[in-house]
N, C-alpha and C. Protein backbone atom coordinates (compact mmCIF):
# COMPACT_ATOMS: atom_id res chain seq x y z
N MET A 1 0.82 -1.19 -0.01
CA MET A 1 -0.01 -0.01 0.00
C MET A 1 0.85 1.27 0.00
N TYR A 2 1.92 1.32 0.86
CA TYR A 2 2.78 2.39 0.89
C TYR A 2 3.45 2.65 -0.43
N ARG A 3 3.93 1.61 -1.05
CA ARG A 3 4.59 1.71 -2.36
C ARG A 3 3.64 2.36 -3.43
N TYR A 4 2.35 1.93 -3.42
CA TYR A 4 1.37 2.49 -4.35
C TYR A 4 1.22 3.98 -4.16
N ASN A 5 1.08 4.38 -2.90
CA ASN A 5 0.91 5.84 -2.61
C ASN A 5 2.15 6.58 -3.06
N PHE A 6 3.33 6.06 -2.83
CA PHE A 6 4.55 6.74 -3.23
C PHE A 6 4.57 6.89 -4.78
N LYS A 7 4.19 5.83 -5.47
CA LYS A 7 4.12 5.92 -6.93
C LYS A 7 3.16 6.94 -7.40
N LYS A 8 1.97 6.96 -6.76
CA LYS A 8 0.96 7.94 -7.16
C LYS A 8 1.41 9.38 -6.92
N ILE A 9 2.02 9.59 -5.76
CA ILE A 9 2.53 10.93 -5.47
C ILE A 9 3.63 11.29 -6.46
N THR A 10 4.52 10.43 -6.78
CA THR A 10 5.59 10.66 -7.72
C THR A 10 5.02 10.96 -9.11
N LEU A 11 3.98 10.19 -9.55
CA LEU A 11 3.38 10.40 -10.79
C LEU A 11 2.73 11.76 -10.89
N ILE A 12 2.04 12.15 -9.83
CA ILE A 12 1.36 13.53 -9.78
C ILE A 12 2.45 14.58 -9.83
N PHE A 13 3.48 14.44 -9.08
CA PHE A 13 4.58 15.45 -9.08
C PHE A 13 5.23 15.54 -10.53
N LEU A 14 5.50 14.40 -11.13
CA LEU A 14 6.17 14.41 -12.41
C LEU A 14 5.17 15.01 -13.47
N SER A 15 3.89 14.67 -13.41
CA SER A 15 2.95 15.22 -14.35
C SER A 15 2.85 16.72 -14.18
N THR A 16 2.84 17.19 -12.98
CA THR A 16 2.82 18.65 -12.77
C THR A 16 4.08 19.29 -13.31
N LEU A 17 5.25 18.71 -13.03
CA LEU A 17 6.50 19.20 -13.54
C LEU A 17 6.53 19.25 -15.06
N LEU A 18 6.01 18.18 -15.71
CA LEU A 18 6.01 18.11 -17.17
C LEU A 18 5.06 19.19 -17.76
N VAL A 19 3.93 19.42 -17.15
CA VAL A 19 3.04 20.40 -17.65
C VAL A 19 3.68 21.78 -17.52
N ALA A 20 4.39 22.04 -16.40
CA ALA A 20 5.11 23.35 -16.22
C ALA A 20 6.14 23.49 -17.28
N LEU A 21 6.90 22.46 -17.63
CA LEU A 21 7.90 22.54 -18.65
C LEU A 21 7.23 22.73 -19.98
N PHE A 22 6.10 22.08 -20.23
CA PHE A 22 5.34 22.30 -21.51
C PHE A 22 4.98 23.75 -21.62
N LEU A 23 4.47 24.31 -20.58
CA LEU A 23 4.00 25.71 -20.63
C LEU A 23 5.22 26.65 -20.90
N LEU A 24 6.33 26.38 -20.25
CA LEU A 24 7.53 27.22 -20.46
C LEU A 24 8.03 27.10 -21.93
N SER A 25 7.96 25.87 -22.44
CA SER A 25 8.38 25.65 -23.80
C SER A 25 7.50 26.33 -24.83
N CYS A 26 6.29 26.69 -24.40
CA CYS A 26 5.33 27.44 -25.30
C CYS A 26 5.44 28.90 -25.18
N GLY A 27 6.54 29.35 -24.62
CA GLY A 27 6.76 30.78 -24.53
C GLY A 27 6.39 31.44 -23.27
N GLY A 28 6.36 30.69 -22.17
CA GLY A 28 6.09 31.28 -20.88
C GLY A 28 4.70 30.84 -20.42
N SER A 29 4.41 31.18 -19.15
CA SER A 29 3.14 30.78 -18.61
C SER A 29 2.07 31.86 -18.76
N ALA A 30 2.41 33.02 -19.25
CA ALA A 30 1.38 34.05 -19.35
C ALA A 30 1.33 34.52 -20.80
N ALA A 31 0.16 34.90 -21.20
CA ALA A 31 -0.05 35.42 -22.57
C ALA A 31 -1.20 36.41 -22.55
N THR A 32 -1.17 37.34 -23.51
CA THR A 32 -2.20 38.27 -23.61
C THR A 32 -3.39 37.68 -24.31
N THR A 33 -4.59 37.89 -23.84
CA THR A 33 -5.77 37.39 -24.50
C THR A 33 -6.65 38.53 -24.97
N THR A 34 -7.36 38.29 -26.03
CA THR A 34 -8.27 39.32 -26.58
C THR A 34 -9.62 38.73 -26.81
N ALA A 35 -10.64 39.12 -26.06
CA ALA A 35 -11.98 38.69 -26.30
C ALA A 35 -12.58 39.57 -27.40
N THR A 36 -13.34 38.96 -28.29
CA THR A 36 -13.81 39.67 -29.47
C THR A 36 -15.41 39.74 -29.52
N THR A 37 -16.08 39.46 -28.46
CA THR A 37 -17.51 39.46 -28.49
C THR A 37 -18.08 40.83 -28.54
N THR A 38 -17.82 41.61 -27.52
CA THR A 38 -18.35 43.00 -27.47
C THR A 38 -17.16 43.93 -27.24
N GLY A 39 -16.54 44.32 -28.31
CA GLY A 39 -15.34 45.11 -28.24
C GLY A 39 -14.07 44.25 -27.95
N THR A 40 -13.01 44.88 -27.65
CA THR A 40 -11.79 44.17 -27.39
C THR A 40 -11.33 44.36 -25.94
N THR A 41 -11.05 43.35 -25.24
CA THR A 41 -10.63 43.38 -23.91
C THR A 41 -9.24 42.68 -23.83
N ASP A 42 -8.30 43.36 -23.22
CA ASP A 42 -6.98 42.72 -22.95
C ASP A 42 -6.90 42.28 -21.58
N ALA A 43 -6.38 41.13 -21.37
CA ALA A 43 -6.09 40.57 -20.01
C ALA A 43 -4.95 39.66 -20.05
N VAL A 44 -4.32 39.35 -18.87
CA VAL A 44 -3.27 38.42 -18.85
C VAL A 44 -3.84 37.14 -18.33
N ALA A 45 -3.59 36.02 -19.01
CA ALA A 45 -4.12 34.75 -18.61
C ALA A 45 -3.03 33.66 -18.79
N SER A 46 -2.95 32.77 -17.79
CA SER A 46 -2.04 31.64 -17.91
C SER A 46 -2.79 30.46 -18.58
N ALA A 47 -2.04 29.44 -18.90
CA ALA A 47 -2.65 28.28 -19.52
C ALA A 47 -3.54 27.57 -18.51
N SER A 48 -4.56 26.89 -18.99
CA SER A 48 -5.43 26.12 -18.14
C SER A 48 -4.98 24.66 -18.19
N ILE A 49 -4.75 24.15 -17.00
CA ILE A 49 -4.39 22.71 -16.88
C ILE A 49 -5.66 22.08 -16.26
N VAL A 50 -6.29 21.21 -17.00
CA VAL A 50 -7.60 20.73 -16.60
C VAL A 50 -7.65 19.19 -16.47
N ASP A 51 -8.56 18.80 -15.55
CA ASP A 51 -8.78 17.37 -15.39
C ASP A 51 -10.21 16.98 -15.21
N THR A 52 -11.12 17.97 -15.45
CA THR A 52 -12.58 17.63 -15.37
C THR A 52 -13.24 18.28 -16.60
N ALA A 53 -14.38 17.79 -16.92
CA ALA A 53 -15.13 18.32 -18.03
C ALA A 53 -15.55 19.74 -17.78
N GLU A 54 -15.95 20.11 -16.58
CA GLU A 54 -16.30 21.50 -16.28
C GLU A 54 -15.14 22.45 -16.42
N ALA A 55 -13.99 22.05 -15.95
CA ALA A 55 -12.78 22.92 -16.15
C ALA A 55 -12.40 23.05 -17.57
N PHE A 56 -12.55 21.95 -18.36
CA PHE A 56 -12.27 22.04 -19.79
C PHE A 56 -13.20 23.00 -20.47
N GLU A 57 -14.52 22.92 -20.22
CA GLU A 57 -15.49 23.81 -20.79
C GLU A 57 -15.18 25.27 -20.49
N LYS A 58 -14.82 25.55 -19.26
CA LYS A 58 -14.46 26.93 -18.96
C LYS A 58 -13.18 27.39 -19.70
N ALA A 59 -12.25 26.52 -19.79
CA ALA A 59 -10.96 26.89 -20.39
C ALA A 59 -11.11 27.17 -21.89
N ILE A 60 -12.01 26.51 -22.56
CA ILE A 60 -12.17 26.70 -24.00
C ILE A 60 -13.14 27.80 -24.35
N SER A 61 -13.79 28.40 -23.35
CA SER A 61 -14.71 29.46 -23.59
C SER A 61 -14.05 30.75 -24.03
N LYS A 62 -14.80 31.78 -24.42
CA LYS A 62 -14.25 33.08 -24.80
C LYS A 62 -13.50 33.75 -23.65
N ASP A 63 -13.77 33.32 -22.42
CA ASP A 63 -13.19 33.83 -21.20
C ASP A 63 -12.09 32.98 -20.67
N GLY A 64 -11.75 31.95 -21.49
CA GLY A 64 -10.69 30.93 -21.05
C GLY A 64 -9.30 31.45 -21.33
N THR A 65 -8.42 30.47 -21.72
CA THR A 65 -7.02 30.71 -21.94
C THR A 65 -6.61 30.24 -23.27
N TRP A 66 -5.46 30.72 -23.75
CA TRP A 66 -4.99 30.35 -25.08
C TRP A 66 -4.45 28.94 -25.20
N ILE A 67 -4.00 28.36 -24.09
CA ILE A 67 -3.57 26.96 -24.06
C ILE A 67 -4.47 26.17 -23.11
N ILE A 68 -4.94 25.05 -23.54
CA ILE A 68 -5.73 24.21 -22.69
C ILE A 68 -5.02 22.87 -22.63
N ALA A 69 -4.53 22.45 -21.50
CA ALA A 69 -3.74 21.21 -21.34
C ALA A 69 -4.49 20.29 -20.42
N SER A 70 -4.58 19.03 -20.74
CA SER A 70 -5.27 18.06 -19.94
C SER A 70 -4.27 17.06 -19.36
N LEU A 71 -4.59 16.55 -18.11
CA LEU A 71 -3.73 15.62 -17.47
C LEU A 71 -4.37 14.21 -17.40
N LYS A 72 -5.59 14.11 -18.03
CA LYS A 72 -6.23 12.75 -18.10
C LYS A 72 -7.31 12.85 -19.10
N ASP A 73 -7.99 11.66 -19.41
CA ASP A 73 -9.11 11.60 -20.31
C ASP A 73 -10.26 12.36 -19.74
N ILE A 74 -10.97 13.07 -20.66
CA ILE A 74 -12.15 13.84 -20.26
C ILE A 74 -13.33 13.42 -21.15
N THR A 75 -14.50 13.19 -20.53
CA THR A 75 -15.70 12.80 -21.19
C THR A 75 -16.89 13.71 -20.77
N THR A 76 -17.64 14.17 -21.74
CA THR A 76 -18.84 14.98 -21.45
C THR A 76 -19.91 14.62 -22.52
N ASP A 77 -21.14 14.83 -22.11
CA ASP A 77 -22.23 14.65 -23.11
C ASP A 77 -22.66 15.92 -23.70
N LYS A 78 -21.96 17.01 -23.44
CA LYS A 78 -22.26 18.33 -23.94
C LYS A 78 -21.51 18.59 -25.28
N GLU A 79 -22.11 19.44 -26.09
CA GLU A 79 -21.44 19.90 -27.30
C GLU A 79 -20.53 21.01 -26.91
N LEU A 80 -19.29 20.94 -27.36
CA LEU A 80 -18.19 21.89 -26.89
C LEU A 80 -17.91 22.90 -28.01
N VAL A 81 -17.51 24.15 -27.57
CA VAL A 81 -17.17 25.16 -28.53
C VAL A 81 -15.89 25.82 -28.01
N LEU A 82 -14.82 25.83 -28.85
CA LEU A 82 -13.61 26.56 -28.60
C LEU A 82 -13.89 27.95 -29.16
N ASP A 83 -13.98 28.95 -28.26
CA ASP A 83 -14.49 30.27 -28.64
C ASP A 83 -13.55 31.33 -28.21
N GLY A 84 -13.53 32.47 -28.97
CA GLY A 84 -12.69 33.62 -28.65
C GLY A 84 -11.41 33.67 -29.36
N ASP A 85 -10.88 34.83 -29.58
CA ASP A 85 -9.61 34.98 -30.25
C ASP A 85 -8.56 35.39 -29.16
N PHE A 86 -7.46 34.72 -29.20
CA PHE A 86 -6.43 34.85 -28.17
C PHE A 86 -5.08 35.12 -28.81
N THR A 87 -4.27 35.98 -28.22
CA THR A 87 -2.92 36.21 -28.70
C THR A 87 -1.99 35.38 -27.78
N ASN A 88 -0.89 34.89 -28.31
CA ASN A 88 -0.01 34.06 -27.55
C ASN A 88 1.18 34.76 -26.86
N GLY A 89 1.13 36.12 -26.93
CA GLY A 89 2.18 36.92 -26.30
C GLY A 89 3.36 37.21 -27.21
N ARG A 90 3.38 36.72 -28.39
CA ARG A 90 4.45 36.99 -29.35
C ARG A 90 3.96 37.94 -30.43
N LYS A 91 4.92 38.45 -31.14
CA LYS A 91 4.65 39.35 -32.28
C LYS A 91 5.23 38.75 -33.59
N ASP A 92 4.60 39.09 -34.67
CA ASP A 92 5.12 38.66 -36.01
C ASP A 92 6.21 39.65 -36.45
N ASP A 93 6.73 39.40 -37.60
CA ASP A 93 7.81 40.31 -38.15
C ASP A 93 7.37 41.77 -38.29
N ALA A 94 6.08 42.00 -38.48
CA ALA A 94 5.59 43.37 -38.60
C ALA A 94 5.18 43.97 -37.29
N GLY A 95 5.40 43.24 -36.20
CA GLY A 95 5.13 43.77 -34.88
C GLY A 95 3.65 43.59 -34.45
N LYS A 96 2.91 42.80 -35.15
CA LYS A 96 1.50 42.56 -34.79
C LYS A 96 1.39 41.33 -33.92
N ASP A 97 0.36 41.37 -33.03
CA ASP A 97 0.12 40.21 -32.18
C ASP A 97 -0.17 38.92 -33.00
N ILE A 98 0.33 37.79 -32.50
CA ILE A 98 0.08 36.54 -33.16
C ILE A 98 -1.06 35.83 -32.40
N TYR A 99 -2.14 35.54 -33.16
CA TYR A 99 -3.29 34.88 -32.57
C TYR A 99 -3.09 33.34 -32.70
N GLN A 100 -3.43 32.66 -31.58
CA GLN A 100 -3.25 31.24 -31.53
C GLN A 100 -4.11 30.69 -30.40
N ARG A 101 -4.56 29.43 -30.56
CA ARG A 101 -5.31 28.73 -29.50
C ARG A 101 -4.88 27.30 -29.63
N LYS A 102 -4.62 26.63 -28.46
CA LYS A 102 -4.10 25.26 -28.53
C LYS A 102 -4.79 24.40 -27.50
N ILE A 103 -5.31 23.23 -27.99
CA ILE A 103 -5.78 22.20 -27.09
C ILE A 103 -4.71 21.09 -27.14
N GLY A 104 -4.01 20.91 -26.03
CA GLY A 104 -2.96 19.94 -25.93
C GLY A 104 -3.35 18.79 -24.93
N LEU A 105 -3.63 17.63 -25.45
CA LEU A 105 -4.07 16.53 -24.62
C LEU A 105 -2.87 15.53 -24.43
N TYR A 106 -1.84 16.03 -23.80
CA TYR A 106 -0.62 15.21 -23.63
C TYR A 106 0.28 15.80 -22.56
N THR A 107 1.24 14.99 -22.13
CA THR A 107 2.34 15.49 -21.29
C THR A 107 3.66 15.32 -22.10
N GLN A 108 4.63 16.06 -21.71
CA GLN A 108 5.92 15.92 -22.39
C GLN A 108 7.08 16.11 -21.40
N ASP A 109 8.27 15.64 -21.77
CA ASP A 109 9.42 15.79 -20.95
C ASP A 109 10.16 17.10 -21.33
N ALA A 110 11.25 17.32 -20.68
CA ALA A 110 11.98 18.56 -20.89
C ALA A 110 12.53 18.68 -22.31
N ASN A 111 12.65 17.60 -23.06
CA ASN A 111 13.07 17.65 -24.42
C ASN A 111 11.91 17.63 -25.40
N ARG A 112 10.72 17.89 -24.89
CA ARG A 112 9.50 17.97 -25.69
C ARG A 112 9.09 16.61 -26.32
N ASN A 113 9.56 15.58 -25.70
CA ASN A 113 9.09 14.22 -26.14
C ASN A 113 7.73 13.98 -25.50
N VAL A 114 6.77 13.60 -26.29
CA VAL A 114 5.43 13.34 -25.75
C VAL A 114 5.48 12.00 -24.96
N LEU A 115 4.92 12.10 -23.73
CA LEU A 115 4.92 10.97 -22.84
C LEU A 115 3.56 10.25 -22.73
N ASP A 116 2.58 10.99 -22.33
CA ASP A 116 1.21 10.45 -22.18
C ASP A 116 0.27 11.26 -23.14
N ARG A 117 -0.66 10.47 -23.71
CA ARG A 117 -1.68 11.11 -24.55
C ARG A 117 -3.04 10.82 -23.94
N PHE A 118 -3.93 11.77 -24.06
CA PHE A 118 -5.20 11.67 -23.47
C PHE A 118 -6.38 11.78 -24.50
N LYS A 119 -7.58 11.47 -24.09
CA LYS A 119 -8.76 11.38 -24.96
C LYS A 119 -9.78 12.37 -24.44
N LEU A 120 -10.34 13.09 -25.38
CA LEU A 120 -11.49 13.98 -25.09
C LEU A 120 -12.68 13.42 -25.81
N THR A 121 -13.76 13.07 -25.09
CA THR A 121 -14.96 12.53 -25.69
C THR A 121 -16.13 13.45 -25.54
N ALA A 122 -16.77 13.87 -26.62
CA ALA A 122 -17.93 14.70 -26.65
C ALA A 122 -18.66 14.49 -27.95
N PRO A 123 -19.95 14.79 -27.99
CA PRO A 123 -20.69 14.56 -29.22
C PRO A 123 -20.13 15.41 -30.41
N LYS A 124 -19.69 16.65 -30.02
CA LYS A 124 -19.33 17.60 -31.03
C LYS A 124 -18.30 18.61 -30.42
N LEU A 125 -17.32 19.05 -31.20
CA LEU A 125 -16.42 20.08 -30.82
C LEU A 125 -16.32 21.04 -31.99
N THR A 126 -16.76 22.38 -31.80
CA THR A 126 -16.72 23.31 -32.81
C THR A 126 -15.58 24.29 -32.54
N ILE A 127 -14.74 24.55 -33.59
CA ILE A 127 -13.59 25.36 -33.44
C ILE A 127 -13.93 26.74 -34.07
N ASN A 128 -14.10 27.74 -33.13
CA ASN A 128 -14.38 29.11 -33.53
C ASN A 128 -13.20 30.03 -33.30
N SER A 129 -12.14 29.60 -32.67
CA SER A 129 -10.95 30.40 -32.41
C SER A 129 -9.99 30.35 -33.59
N ARG A 130 -9.54 31.51 -34.03
CA ARG A 130 -8.62 31.49 -35.21
C ARG A 130 -7.27 30.95 -34.82
N ASN A 131 -6.61 30.30 -35.81
CA ASN A 131 -5.28 29.67 -35.70
C ASN A 131 -5.26 28.74 -34.52
N ALA A 132 -6.30 27.90 -34.40
CA ALA A 132 -6.36 26.87 -33.32
C ALA A 132 -5.72 25.59 -33.73
N SER A 133 -5.23 24.86 -32.75
CA SER A 133 -4.66 23.54 -32.99
C SER A 133 -5.16 22.52 -31.97
N PHE A 134 -5.27 21.31 -32.39
CA PHE A 134 -5.57 20.18 -31.53
C PHE A 134 -4.36 19.26 -31.66
N GLU A 135 -3.69 19.02 -30.50
CA GLU A 135 -2.38 18.38 -30.55
C GLU A 135 -2.27 17.11 -29.69
N TYR A 136 -1.68 16.08 -30.29
CA TYR A 136 -1.17 14.86 -29.66
C TYR A 136 -2.18 14.04 -28.76
N GLY A 137 -3.42 14.32 -28.92
CA GLY A 137 -4.38 13.53 -28.19
C GLY A 137 -5.47 13.01 -29.17
N THR A 138 -6.51 12.45 -28.59
CA THR A 138 -7.59 11.84 -29.41
C THR A 138 -8.95 12.60 -29.09
N PHE A 139 -9.68 13.00 -30.13
CA PHE A 139 -11.03 13.45 -29.92
C PHE A 139 -11.99 12.45 -30.42
N VAL A 140 -12.89 12.04 -29.60
CA VAL A 140 -13.97 11.07 -29.96
C VAL A 140 -15.24 11.84 -30.18
N GLY A 141 -15.63 12.07 -31.40
CA GLY A 141 -16.87 12.86 -31.72
C GLY A 141 -16.64 13.49 -33.01
N ASP A 142 -17.58 14.35 -33.46
CA ASP A 142 -17.40 15.10 -34.69
C ASP A 142 -16.79 16.48 -34.45
N LEU A 143 -15.81 16.82 -35.26
CA LEU A 143 -15.14 18.06 -35.20
C LEU A 143 -15.63 19.04 -36.26
N TYR A 144 -16.08 20.24 -35.86
CA TYR A 144 -16.61 21.25 -36.79
C TYR A 144 -15.62 22.45 -36.82
N VAL A 145 -15.03 22.75 -37.97
CA VAL A 145 -14.08 23.81 -38.04
C VAL A 145 -14.71 24.99 -38.77
N ALA A 146 -14.85 26.12 -38.06
CA ALA A 146 -15.51 27.31 -38.62
C ALA A 146 -14.60 28.43 -38.92
N VAL A 147 -13.30 28.25 -38.69
CA VAL A 147 -12.32 29.37 -38.93
C VAL A 147 -11.13 28.84 -39.70
N PRO A 148 -10.42 29.70 -40.39
CA PRO A 148 -9.24 29.29 -41.14
C PRO A 148 -8.03 28.97 -40.25
N ASN A 149 -7.07 28.21 -40.87
CA ASN A 149 -5.77 27.91 -40.30
C ASN A 149 -5.87 26.98 -39.10
N PHE A 150 -6.78 26.07 -39.05
CA PHE A 150 -6.91 25.06 -38.05
C PHE A 150 -5.80 24.01 -38.26
N LYS A 151 -5.19 23.48 -37.21
CA LYS A 151 -4.17 22.47 -37.33
C LYS A 151 -4.53 21.25 -36.47
N LEU A 152 -4.35 20.10 -37.02
CA LEU A 152 -4.46 18.84 -36.31
C LEU A 152 -2.98 18.30 -36.29
N ILE A 153 -2.39 18.19 -35.11
CA ILE A 153 -0.99 17.90 -35.02
C ILE A 153 -0.77 16.54 -34.33
N ASP A 154 -0.33 15.53 -35.02
CA ASP A 154 -0.12 14.13 -34.48
C ASP A 154 -1.23 13.82 -33.54
N ALA A 155 -2.48 13.91 -34.03
CA ALA A 155 -3.66 13.68 -33.22
C ALA A 155 -4.56 12.72 -33.95
N ARG A 156 -5.61 12.34 -33.25
CA ARG A 156 -6.55 11.37 -33.79
C ARG A 156 -8.00 11.91 -33.57
N VAL A 157 -8.79 11.87 -34.65
CA VAL A 157 -10.24 12.18 -34.50
C VAL A 157 -10.99 10.95 -34.80
N GLU A 158 -11.70 10.36 -33.83
CA GLU A 158 -12.54 9.21 -34.05
C GLU A 158 -13.95 9.74 -34.30
N GLY A 159 -14.12 10.15 -35.51
CA GLY A 159 -15.36 10.79 -35.99
C GLY A 159 -15.09 11.47 -37.28
N ASN A 160 -15.96 12.45 -37.67
CA ASN A 160 -15.87 13.21 -38.86
C ASN A 160 -15.23 14.60 -38.59
N VAL A 161 -14.66 15.16 -39.62
CA VAL A 161 -14.20 16.59 -39.55
C VAL A 161 -14.95 17.34 -40.61
N TYR A 162 -15.72 18.34 -40.20
CA TYR A 162 -16.51 19.15 -41.10
C TYR A 162 -15.94 20.56 -41.13
N PHE A 163 -15.76 21.11 -42.35
CA PHE A 163 -15.25 22.46 -42.52
C PHE A 163 -16.39 23.31 -43.04
N LYS A 164 -16.50 24.52 -42.51
CA LYS A 164 -17.61 25.39 -42.89
C LYS A 164 -17.63 25.84 -44.31
N THR A 165 -16.41 26.06 -44.84
CA THR A 165 -16.28 26.41 -46.27
C THR A 165 -15.11 25.73 -46.92
N GLU A 166 -15.04 25.73 -48.19
CA GLU A 166 -13.91 25.18 -48.90
C GLU A 166 -12.64 25.89 -48.60
N GLU A 167 -12.70 27.28 -48.38
CA GLU A 167 -11.56 28.08 -48.09
C GLU A 167 -10.99 27.70 -46.73
N ILE A 168 -11.86 27.48 -45.77
CA ILE A 168 -11.42 27.02 -44.49
C ILE A 168 -10.82 25.66 -44.53
N LYS A 169 -11.38 24.75 -45.28
CA LYS A 169 -10.74 23.40 -45.44
C LYS A 169 -9.34 23.50 -46.05
N ASN A 170 -9.26 24.31 -47.11
CA ASN A 170 -7.95 24.47 -47.78
C ASN A 170 -6.90 25.17 -46.94
N SER A 171 -7.30 25.99 -45.98
CA SER A 171 -6.30 26.68 -45.16
C SER A 171 -5.89 25.80 -43.91
N SER A 172 -6.61 24.72 -43.65
CA SER A 172 -6.35 23.86 -42.52
C SER A 172 -5.27 22.87 -42.83
N ASN A 173 -4.58 22.39 -41.77
CA ASN A 173 -3.48 21.48 -41.95
C ASN A 173 -3.65 20.31 -40.99
N ILE A 174 -3.95 19.14 -41.62
CA ILE A 174 -3.98 17.88 -40.88
C ILE A 174 -2.73 17.18 -41.23
N ASP A 175 -1.78 17.13 -40.29
CA ASP A 175 -0.42 16.64 -40.60
C ASP A 175 -0.46 15.10 -40.89
N SER A 176 0.68 14.62 -41.42
CA SER A 176 0.74 13.18 -41.84
C SER A 176 0.65 12.21 -40.70
N LYS A 177 0.93 12.64 -39.45
CA LYS A 177 0.85 11.74 -38.28
C LYS A 177 -0.55 11.68 -37.75
N SER A 178 -1.44 12.56 -38.15
CA SER A 178 -2.80 12.61 -37.67
C SER A 178 -3.69 11.59 -38.42
N VAL A 179 -4.80 11.18 -37.70
CA VAL A 179 -5.69 10.13 -38.31
C VAL A 179 -7.06 10.72 -38.04
N VAL A 180 -7.90 10.67 -39.12
CA VAL A 180 -9.33 10.95 -38.99
C VAL A 180 -10.06 9.69 -39.45
N THR A 181 -10.84 9.08 -38.57
CA THR A 181 -11.45 7.81 -38.92
C THR A 181 -12.72 7.97 -39.80
N GLY A 182 -13.31 9.17 -39.77
CA GLY A 182 -14.54 9.39 -40.57
C GLY A 182 -14.22 10.20 -41.80
N THR A 183 -15.19 10.95 -42.24
CA THR A 183 -15.05 11.76 -43.45
C THR A 183 -14.45 13.16 -43.13
N GLN A 184 -13.86 13.78 -44.17
CA GLN A 184 -13.43 15.17 -44.09
C GLN A 184 -14.13 15.87 -45.23
N GLU A 185 -15.03 16.75 -44.88
CA GLU A 185 -15.83 17.36 -45.94
C GLU A 185 -16.30 18.80 -45.57
N VAL A 186 -16.65 19.53 -46.53
CA VAL A 186 -17.27 20.84 -46.39
C VAL A 186 -18.75 20.68 -46.12
N ARG A 187 -19.22 21.35 -45.00
CA ARG A 187 -20.65 21.24 -44.71
C ARG A 187 -21.03 22.54 -44.04
N SER A 188 -22.11 23.08 -44.46
CA SER A 188 -22.67 24.32 -43.83
C SER A 188 -23.20 24.00 -42.45
N PHE A 189 -22.81 24.77 -41.44
CA PHE A 189 -23.39 24.58 -40.11
C PHE A 189 -23.47 25.94 -39.41
């Protein structure tokens, strides 16, 4: 019994350490966010490290954070929406803010090697945040992409991927390590 508790404590400590290293490797733990619903609001927000469906829903909202990282599998019966435009704290060559949103369902070591991958299960996930990515985990459900420049990075979708327009589909990048078990098509929604 004592050995099991020690292993569990060690695993929790290492997971927390790995998530902290993940956040640091993404450019620090704080980023500027911009809400676009009623005007523009600037605020400082750190990444959300989540382990419940409720925390995940809050993190992906327009009032959430630009990085959403999970430490375990998450299941919900609700339709999810990644909403709001967020900047990642960096500037492009012209000095403009870089917009980005990331769902990372994995842990990594100090050398950015992926260690554990997690699964998000929901009937539907709609991507409304520009320059969003879904990385290194599995989504079980149908994915609806409503904005350009979406990225699926070494991830798996056990369902369909629907793009709102042909232009959005053409601007999206599903890398060669990613798998979509269903169809990938343009569909009005």
